[in-house]
């Protein structure tokens, strides 16, 4: 694969897990950049609070990296003082630390979906 291909990009595993677990394991700006790449369109910050956006994003990441299915911290396992160690352990057991992602072409959530 050509690493300079604009249709593919490398992202840290913590960034991808931020899009699939509901926990932020990186700077928000890195997760935001990856989310827009995965979906193939701009995402406004408030859209991360919309269930349909979160669900589509999670599905898009897991479709490309199905080995991440099931990696979900239990409620209360992630705290301000231990998230880095949880992420480091997860990277060791589920590496590699960076993953290639293909640029998406999904449409934004529609008004009908929001009312759904």
C-alpha atoms as a PDB file:
ATOM      1  CA  UNK A   1       0.000   0.000   0.000  1.00  0.00           C
ATOM      2  CA  UNK A   2       1.280   3.453  -0.867  1.00  0.00           C
ATOM      3  CA  UNK A   3       1.672   5.374   2.404  1.00  0.00           C
ATOM      4  CA  UNK A   4       1.288   8.661   0.505  1.00  0.00           C
ATOM      5  CA  UNK A   5      -2.133   7.646  -0.800  1.00  0.00           C
ATOM      6  CA  UNK A   6      -4.651  10.334   0.276  1.00  0.00           C
ATOM      7  CA  UNK A   7      -7.307   7.622   0.556  1.00  0.00           C
ATOM      8  CA  UNK A   8      -5.392   5.933   3.414  1.00  0.00           C
ATOM      9  CA  UNK A   9      -4.039   7.356   6.624  1.00  0.00           C
ATOM     10  CA  UNK A  10      -2.366   6.009   9.757  1.00  0.00           C
ATOM     11  CA  UNK A  11      -3.962   6.653  13.149  1.00  0.00           C
ATOM     12  CA  UNK A  12      -2.901   5.673  16.630  1.00  0.00           C
ATOM     13  CA  UNK A  13      -4.871   2.852  18.217  1.00  0.00           C
ATOM     14  CA  UNK A  14      -5.911   5.228  21.012  1.00  0.00           C
ATOM     15  CA  UNK A  15      -7.522   7.505  18.437  1.00  0.00           C
ATOM     16  CA  UNK A  16      -9.503   4.621  16.945  1.00  0.00           C
ATOM     17  CA  UNK A  17     -10.557   3.353  20.370  1.00  0.00           C
ATOM     18  CA  UNK A  18     -11.748   6.871  21.171  1.00  0.00           C
ATOM     19  CA  UNK A  19     -14.215   6.481  18.305  1.00  0.00           C
ATOM     20  CA  UNK A  20     -15.403   3.016  19.318  1.00  0.00           C
ATOM     21  CA  UNK A  21     -15.503   2.977  23.128  1.00  0.00           C
ATOM     22  CA  UNK A  22     -16.961   6.324  24.133  1.00  0.00           C
ATOM     23  CA  UNK A  23     -13.792   7.159  26.096  1.00  0.00           C
ATOM     24  CA  UNK A  24     -11.307   9.758  24.873  1.00  0.00           C
ATOM     25  CA  UNK A  25      -7.811   8.219  24.742  1.00  0.00           C
ATOM     26  CA  UNK A  26      -6.145  11.082  22.851  1.00  0.00           C
ATOM     27  CA  UNK A  27      -6.444  14.785  22.224  1.00  0.00           C
ATOM     28  CA  UNK A  28      -9.925  15.644  20.996  1.00  0.00           C
ATOM     29  CA  UNK A  29      -8.463  17.282  17.873  1.00  0.00           C
ATOM     30  CA  UNK A  30      -6.785  14.013  16.842  1.00  0.00           C
ATOM     31  CA  UNK A  31      -9.988  12.058  17.289  1.00  0.00           C
ATOM     32  CA  UNK A  32     -11.917  14.764  15.412  1.00  0.00           C
ATOM     33  CA  UNK A  33      -9.475  14.624  12.478  1.00  0.00           C
ATOM     34  CA  UNK A  34      -9.709  10.835  12.324  1.00  0.00           C
ATOM     35  CA  UNK A  35     -13.502  10.901  12.565  1.00  0.00           C
ATOM     36  CA  UNK A  36     -13.788  13.261   9.599  1.00  0.00           C
ATOM     37  CA  UNK A  37     -11.395  11.078   7.603  1.00  0.00           C
ATOM     38  CA  UNK A  38     -13.233   7.851   8.455  1.00  0.00           C
ATOM     39  CA  UNK A  39     -16.610   9.362   7.589  1.00  0.00           C
ATOM     40  CA  UNK A  40     -15.378  11.313   4.568  1.00  0.00           C
ATOM     41  CA  UNK A  41     -17.026  14.596   5.514  1.00  0.00           C
ATOM     42  CA  UNK A  42     -16.680  17.397   8.070  1.00  0.00           C
ATOM     43  CA  UNK A  43     -18.163  16.751  11.500  1.00  0.00           C
ATOM     44  CA  UNK A  44     -19.080  19.603  13.802  1.00  0.00           C
ATOM     45  CA  UNK A  45     -18.160  19.147  17.444  1.00  0.00           C
ATOM     46  CA  UNK A  46     -21.771  19.027  18.612  1.00  0.00           C
ATOM     47  CA  UNK A  47     -22.440  16.107  16.250  1.00  0.00           C
ATOM     48  CA  UNK A  48     -20.356  13.866  18.513  1.00  0.00           C
ATOM     49  CA  UNK A  49     -23.267  14.173  20.944  1.00  0.00           C
ATOM     50  CA  UNK A  50     -25.722  12.741  18.402  1.00  0.00           C
ATOM     51  CA  UNK A  51     -26.356   9.007  18.706  1.00  0.00           C
ATOM     52  CA  UNK A  52     -26.581   8.463  14.925  1.00  0.00           C
ATOM     53  CA  UNK A  53     -23.212  10.139  14.358  1.00  0.00           C
ATOM     54  CA  UNK A  54     -21.563   8.076  17.087  1.00  0.00           C
ATOM     55  CA  UNK A  55     -23.137   4.855  15.831  1.00  0.00           C
ATOM     56  CA  UNK A  56     -22.112   5.479  12.204  1.00  0.00           C
ATOM     57  CA  UNK A  57     -18.597   6.396  13.268  1.00  0.00           C
ATOM     58  CA  UNK A  58     -18.224   3.320  15.474  1.00  0.00           C
ATOM     59  CA  UNK A  59     -19.537   1.086  12.691  1.00  0.00           C
ATOM     60  CA  UNK A  60     -17.206   2.623  10.099  1.00  0.00           C
ATOM     61  CA  UNK A  61     -14.133   2.035  12.282  1.00  0.00           C
ATOM     62  CA  UNK A  62     -15.134  -1.501  13.280  1.00  0.00           C
ATOM     63  CA  UNK A  63     -15.877  -2.417   9.672  1.00  0.00           C
ATOM     64  CA  UNK A  64     -12.261  -1.640   8.803  1.00  0.00           C
ATOM     65  CA  UNK A  65     -10.821  -3.095  12.014  1.00  0.00           C
ATOM     66  CA  UNK A  66     -13.123  -5.871  13.235  1.00  0.00           C
ATOM     67  CA  UNK A  67     -10.470  -7.055  15.697  1.00  0.00           C
ATOM     68  CA  UNK A  68     -11.397  -3.997  17.804  1.00  0.00           C
ATOM     69  CA  UNK A  69     -14.912  -5.329  18.378  1.00  0.00           C
ATOM     70  CA  UNK A  70     -15.278  -6.220  22.014  1.00  0.00           C
ATOM     71  CA  UNK A  71     -12.571  -3.877  23.294  1.00  0.00           C
ATOM     72  CA  UNK A  72     -14.680  -1.937  25.740  1.00  0.00           C
ATOM     73  CA  UNK A  73     -13.606  -0.884  29.211  1.00  0.00           C
ATOM     74  CA  UNK A  74     -16.092  -1.729  31.925  1.00  0.00           C
ATOM     75  CA  UNK A  75     -17.840   1.208  33.500  1.00  0.00           C
ATOM     76  CA  UNK A  76     -15.602   2.664  36.183  1.00  0.00           C
ATOM     77  CA  UNK A  77     -12.417   1.020  34.860  1.00  0.00           C
ATOM     78  CA  UNK A  78     -11.197   4.211  33.186  1.00  0.00           C
ATOM     79  CA  UNK A  79     -10.288   7.159  35.392  1.00  0.00           C
ATOM     80  CA  UNK A  80      -8.139  10.256  35.048  1.00  0.00           C
ATOM     81  CA  UNK A  81      -5.318   8.513  36.891  1.00  0.00           C
ATOM     82  CA  UNK A  82      -5.239   5.225  34.940  1.00  0.00           C
ATOM     83  CA  UNK A  83      -6.416   5.693  31.355  1.00  0.00           C
ATOM     84  CA  UNK A  84      -2.862   5.841  30.003  1.00  0.00           C
ATOM     85  CA  UNK A  85      -1.940   2.510  31.599  1.00  0.00           C
ATOM     86  CA  UNK A  86      -5.188   0.928  30.314  1.00  0.00           C
ATOM     87  CA  UNK A  87      -4.393   2.163  26.808  1.00  0.00           C
ATOM     88  CA  UNK A  88      -0.764   0.962  26.993  1.00  0.00           C
ATOM     89  CA  UNK A  89      -1.903  -2.500  28.077  1.00  0.00           C
ATOM     90  CA  UNK A  90      -4.534  -2.585  25.330  1.00  0.00           C
ATOM     91  CA  UNK A  91      -1.925  -1.612  22.737  1.00  0.00           C
ATOM     92  CA  UNK A  92       0.312  -4.446  23.935  1.00  0.00           C
ATOM     93  CA  UNK A  93      -2.450  -7.015  23.687  1.00  0.00           C
ATOM     94  CA  UNK A  94      -4.187  -5.685  20.553  1.00  0.00           C
ATOM     95  CA  UNK A  95      -1.363  -3.942  18.649  1.00  0.00           C
ATOM     96  CA  UNK A  96      -0.155  -2.610  16.311  1.00  0.00           C
ATOM     97  CA  UNK A  97      -0.023   0.851  17.818  1.00  0.00           C
ATOM     98  CA  UNK A  98      -1.025   2.511  14.555  1.00  0.00           C
ATOM     99  CA  UNK A  99      -3.595   1.337  12.069  1.00  0.00           C
ATOM    100  CA  UNK A 100      -4.274   2.229   8.455  1.00  0.00           C
ATOM    101  CA  UNK A 101      -7.722   3.629   7.802  1.00  0.00           C
ATOM    102  CA  UNK A 102      -9.399   4.085   4.439  1.00  0.00           C
ATOM    103  CA  UNK A 103     -11.106   7.401   3.817  1.00  0.00           C
ATOM    104  CA  UNK A 104     -14.877   7.118   4.009  1.00  0.00           C
ATOM    105  CA  UNK A 105     -17.614   8.493   1.801  1.00  0.00           C
ATOM    106  CA  UNK A 106     -20.587   8.360   4.139  1.00  0.00           C
ATOM    107  CA  UNK A 107     -23.345  10.924   4.136  1.00  0.00           C
ATOM    108  CA  UNK A 108     -24.195  13.016   7.140  1.00  0.00           C
ATOM    109  CA  UNK A 109     -27.011  11.880   9.397  1.00  0.00           C
ATOM    110  CA  UNK A 110     -30.279  13.017   7.876  1.00  0.00           C
ATOM    111  CA  UNK A 111     -33.073  14.900   9.605  1.00  0.00           C
ATOM    112  CA  UNK A 112     -35.254  11.799   9.195  1.00  0.00           C
ATOM    113  CA  UNK A 113     -32.664   9.682  11.064  1.00  0.00           C
ATOM    114  CA  UNK A 114     -32.555  12.268  13.836  1.00  0.00           C
ATOM    115  CA  UNK A 115     -36.325  12.079  14.300  1.00  0.00           C
ATOM    116  CA  UNK A 116     -36.189   8.296  13.952  1.00  0.00           C
END
